[in-house]
Amino acid sequence: MTRQTILTGIIVEDTIEFTLGELSRACGKPAEWILALVEEGVIEPLGTEQTQWHFLGHCLRRVRIVERLQSDLGLNLAGAALALELLEEVETLRNRIAALEE
């Protein structure tokens, strides 16, 4: 008998914005950890005052990737930020190659 797993989720677009607290809850990490990501340049908030910060939907994706890099590979925040940057660059290059091959 074949076993099936059904996954459910929400597609987060850039039109969705999160407050600092919402982003913290969405990834299950304390707000201080999110602030460290901002300081490291992993995510960039919208707004000038920390109490008014909002984060676009793509920030959640970046936060989740950094979280996985840290837990799976044991990377520190700076290392995870660098790995994330390199992963995104590889994705961009693959997309360019795919476009050229068409």
C-alpha atoms as a PDB file:
ATOM      1  CA  MET A   1       0.000   0.000   0.000  1.00  0.00           C
ATOM      2  CA  THR A   2       1.306   3.428  -0.968  1.00  0.00           C
ATOM      3  CA  ARG A   3       1.462   5.973   1.791  1.00  0.00           C
ATOM      4  CA  GLN A   4       0.614   9.571   0.912  1.00  0.00           C
ATOM      5  CA  THR A   5       1.443  12.704   2.795  1.00  0.00           C
ATOM      6  CA  ILE A   6      -0.613  15.823   2.312  1.00  0.00           C
ATOM      7  CA  LEU A   7       1.063  19.123   3.052  1.00  0.00           C
ATOM      8  CA  THR A   8      -0.726  22.406   3.474  1.00  0.00           C
ATOM      9  CA  GLY A   9       0.766  25.865   3.513  1.00  0.00           C
ATOM     10  CA  ILE A  10       0.366  29.502   2.695  1.00  0.00           C
ATOM     11  CA  ILE A  11       2.057  31.149  -0.266  1.00  0.00           C
ATOM     12  CA  VAL A  12       3.669  34.339   0.952  1.00  0.00           C
ATOM     13  CA  GLU A  13       4.109  37.032  -1.665  1.00  0.00           C
ATOM     14  CA  ASP A  14       5.940  40.316  -1.456  1.00  0.00           C
ATOM     15  CA  THR A  15       2.597  42.072  -1.110  1.00  0.00           C
ATOM     16  CA  ILE A  16       2.284  40.596   2.391  1.00  0.00           C
ATOM     17  CA  GLU A  17       4.063  42.484   5.145  1.00  0.00           C
ATOM     18  CA  PHE A  18       5.040  41.284   8.600  1.00  0.00           C
ATOM     19  CA  THR A  19       5.727  43.299  11.721  1.00  0.00           C
ATOM     20  CA  LEU A  20       8.751  42.328  13.785  1.00  0.00           C
ATOM     21  CA  GLY A  21       6.510  40.371  16.152  1.00  0.00           C
ATOM     22  CA  GLU A  22       4.677  38.605  13.328  1.00  0.00           C
ATOM     23  CA  LEU A  23       7.921  37.604  11.621  1.00  0.00           C
ATOM     24  CA  SER A  24       9.259  36.370  14.934  1.00  0.00           C
ATOM     25  CA  ARG A  25       6.164  34.226  15.515  1.00  0.00           C
ATOM     26  CA  ALA A  26       6.108  32.958  11.923  1.00  0.00           C
ATOM     27  CA  CYS A  27       9.606  31.513  12.233  1.00  0.00           C
ATOM     28  CA  GLY A  28       9.408  30.601  15.924  1.00  0.00           C
ATOM     29  CA  LYS A  29      12.429  32.655  16.885  1.00  0.00           C
ATOM     30  CA  PRO A  30      12.804  35.518  19.368  1.00  0.00           C
ATOM     31  CA  ALA A  31      12.694  39.103  18.121  1.00  0.00           C
ATOM     32  CA  GLU A  32      16.334  39.524  19.173  1.00  0.00           C
ATOM     33  CA  TRP A  33      17.331  36.881  16.616  1.00  0.00           C
ATOM     34  CA  ILE A  34      15.409  38.764  13.904  1.00  0.00           C
ATOM     35  CA  LEU A  35      17.192  41.969  14.945  1.00  0.00           C
ATOM     36  CA  ALA A  36      20.526  40.164  14.558  1.00  0.00           C
ATOM     37  CA  LEU A  37      19.497  39.205  11.003  1.00  0.00           C
ATOM     38  CA  VAL A  38      18.784  42.862  10.267  1.00  0.00           C
ATOM     39  CA  GLU A  39      22.178  43.885  11.661  1.00  0.00           C
ATOM     40  CA  GLU A  40      23.877  41.188   9.546  1.00  0.00           C
ATOM     41  CA  GLY A  41      22.087  42.462   6.430  1.00  0.00           C
ATOM     42  CA  VAL A  42      20.160  39.234   5.818  1.00  0.00           C
ATOM     43  CA  ILE A  43      16.823  41.040   5.817  1.00  0.00           C
ATOM     44  CA  GLU A  44      15.962  44.694   5.411  1.00  0.00           C
ATOM     45  CA  PRO A  45      13.007  46.247   7.194  1.00  0.00           C
ATOM     46  CA  LEU A  46      10.756  48.915   5.748  1.00  0.00           C
ATOM     47  CA  GLY A  47      10.376  51.946   7.984  1.00  0.00           C
ATOM     48  CA  THR A  48      12.755  54.097   9.941  1.00  0.00           C
ATOM     49  CA  GLU A  49      11.816  53.349  13.550  1.00  0.00           C
ATOM     50  CA  GLN A  50      12.095  49.814  14.898  1.00  0.00           C
ATOM     51  CA  THR A  51       8.560  50.080  16.307  1.00  0.00           C
ATOM     52  CA  GLN A  52       7.291  50.790  12.775  1.00  0.00           C
ATOM     53  CA  TRP A  53       9.329  48.172  10.926  1.00  0.00           C
ATOM     54  CA  HIS A  54       7.625  45.937   8.381  1.00  0.00           C
ATOM     55  CA  PHE A  55       9.184  43.083   6.448  1.00  0.00           C
ATOM     56  CA  LEU A  56       8.137  41.954   2.976  1.00  0.00           C
ATOM     57  CA  GLY A  57       7.153  38.345   2.333  1.00  0.00           C
ATOM     58  CA  HIS A  58      10.517  37.357   0.839  1.00  0.00           C
ATOM     59  CA  CYS A  59      12.126  38.102   4.208  1.00  0.00           C
ATOM     60  CA  LEU A  60      10.314  35.117   5.714  1.00  0.00           C
ATOM     61  CA  ARG A  61      11.866  32.859   3.069  1.00  0.00           C
ATOM     62  CA  ARG A  62      15.339  34.235   3.795  1.00  0.00           C
ATOM     63  CA  VAL A  63      14.842  33.848   7.556  1.00  0.00           C
ATOM     64  CA  ARG A  64      13.739  30.221   7.125  1.00  0.00           C
ATOM     65  CA  ILE A  65      16.782  29.430   4.970  1.00  0.00           C
ATOM     66  CA  VAL A  66      19.167  30.956   7.518  1.00  0.00           C
ATOM     67  CA  GLU A  67      17.401  29.022  10.268  1.00  0.00           C
ATOM     68  CA  ARG A  68      17.919  25.759   8.354  1.00  0.00           C
ATOM     69  CA  LEU A  69      21.551  26.545   7.578  1.00  0.00           C
ATOM     70  CA  GLN A  70      22.215  27.151  11.248  1.00  0.00           C
ATOM     71  CA  SER A  71      20.386  24.079  12.515  1.00  0.00           C
ATOM     72  CA  ASP A  72      21.462  21.635   9.785  1.00  0.00           C
ATOM     73  CA  LEU A  73      25.042  22.770   9.253  1.00  0.00           C
ATOM     74  CA  GLY A  74      25.813  24.459  12.566  1.00  0.00           C
ATOM     75  CA  LEU A  75      26.765  27.730  10.883  1.00  0.00           C
ATOM     76  CA  ASN A  76      26.989  30.930  12.857  1.00  0.00           C
ATOM     77  CA  LEU A  77      24.936  33.889  11.703  1.00  0.00           C
ATOM     78  CA  ALA A  78      27.669  35.413   9.544  1.00  0.00           C
ATOM     79  CA  GLY A  79      28.357  32.062   7.876  1.00  0.00           C
ATOM     80  CA  ALA A  80      24.667  31.434   7.250  1.00  0.00           C
ATOM     81  CA  ALA A  81      24.292  34.927   5.764  1.00  0.00           C
ATOM     82  CA  LEU A  82      27.204  34.271   3.395  1.00  0.00           C
ATOM     83  CA  ALA A  83      25.835  30.843   2.429  1.00  0.00           C
ATOM     84  CA  LEU A  84      22.425  32.403   1.750  1.00  0.00           C
ATOM     85  CA  GLU A  85      24.017  35.009  -0.509  1.00  0.00           C
ATOM     86  CA  LEU A  86      25.896  32.329  -2.434  1.00  0.00           C
ATOM     87  CA  LEU A  87      22.771  30.147  -2.769  1.00  0.00           C
ATOM     88  CA  GLU A  88      20.839  33.078  -4.199  1.00  0.00           C
ATOM     89  CA  GLU A  89      23.660  33.863  -6.621  1.00  0.00           C
ATOM     90  CA  VAL A  90      23.668  30.249  -7.825  1.00  0.00           C
ATOM     91  CA  GLU A  91      19.891  30.443  -8.329  1.00  0.00           C
ATOM     92  CA  THR A  92      20.264  33.650 -10.348  1.00  0.00           C
ATOM     93  CA  LEU A  93      22.970  32.109 -12.536  1.00  0.00           C
ATOM     94  CA  ARG A  94      20.886  28.976 -13.117  1.00  0.00           C
ATOM     95  CA  ASN A  95      17.953  31.127 -14.174  1.00  0.00           C
ATOM     96  CA  ARG A  96      20.182  33.030 -16.613  1.00  0.00           C
ATOM     97  CA  ILE A  97      21.479  29.782 -18.096  1.00  0.00           C
ATOM     98  CA  ALA A  98      17.935  28.449 -18.470  1.00  0.00           C
ATOM     99  CA  ALA A  99      16.873  31.650 -20.222  1.00  0.00           C
ATOM    100  CA  LEU A 100      19.826  31.443 -22.617  1.00  0.00           C
ATOM    101  CA  GLU A 101      19.083  27.815 -23.434  1.00  0.00           C
ATOM    102  CA  GLU A 102      15.541  28.613 -24.512  1.00  0.00           C
END
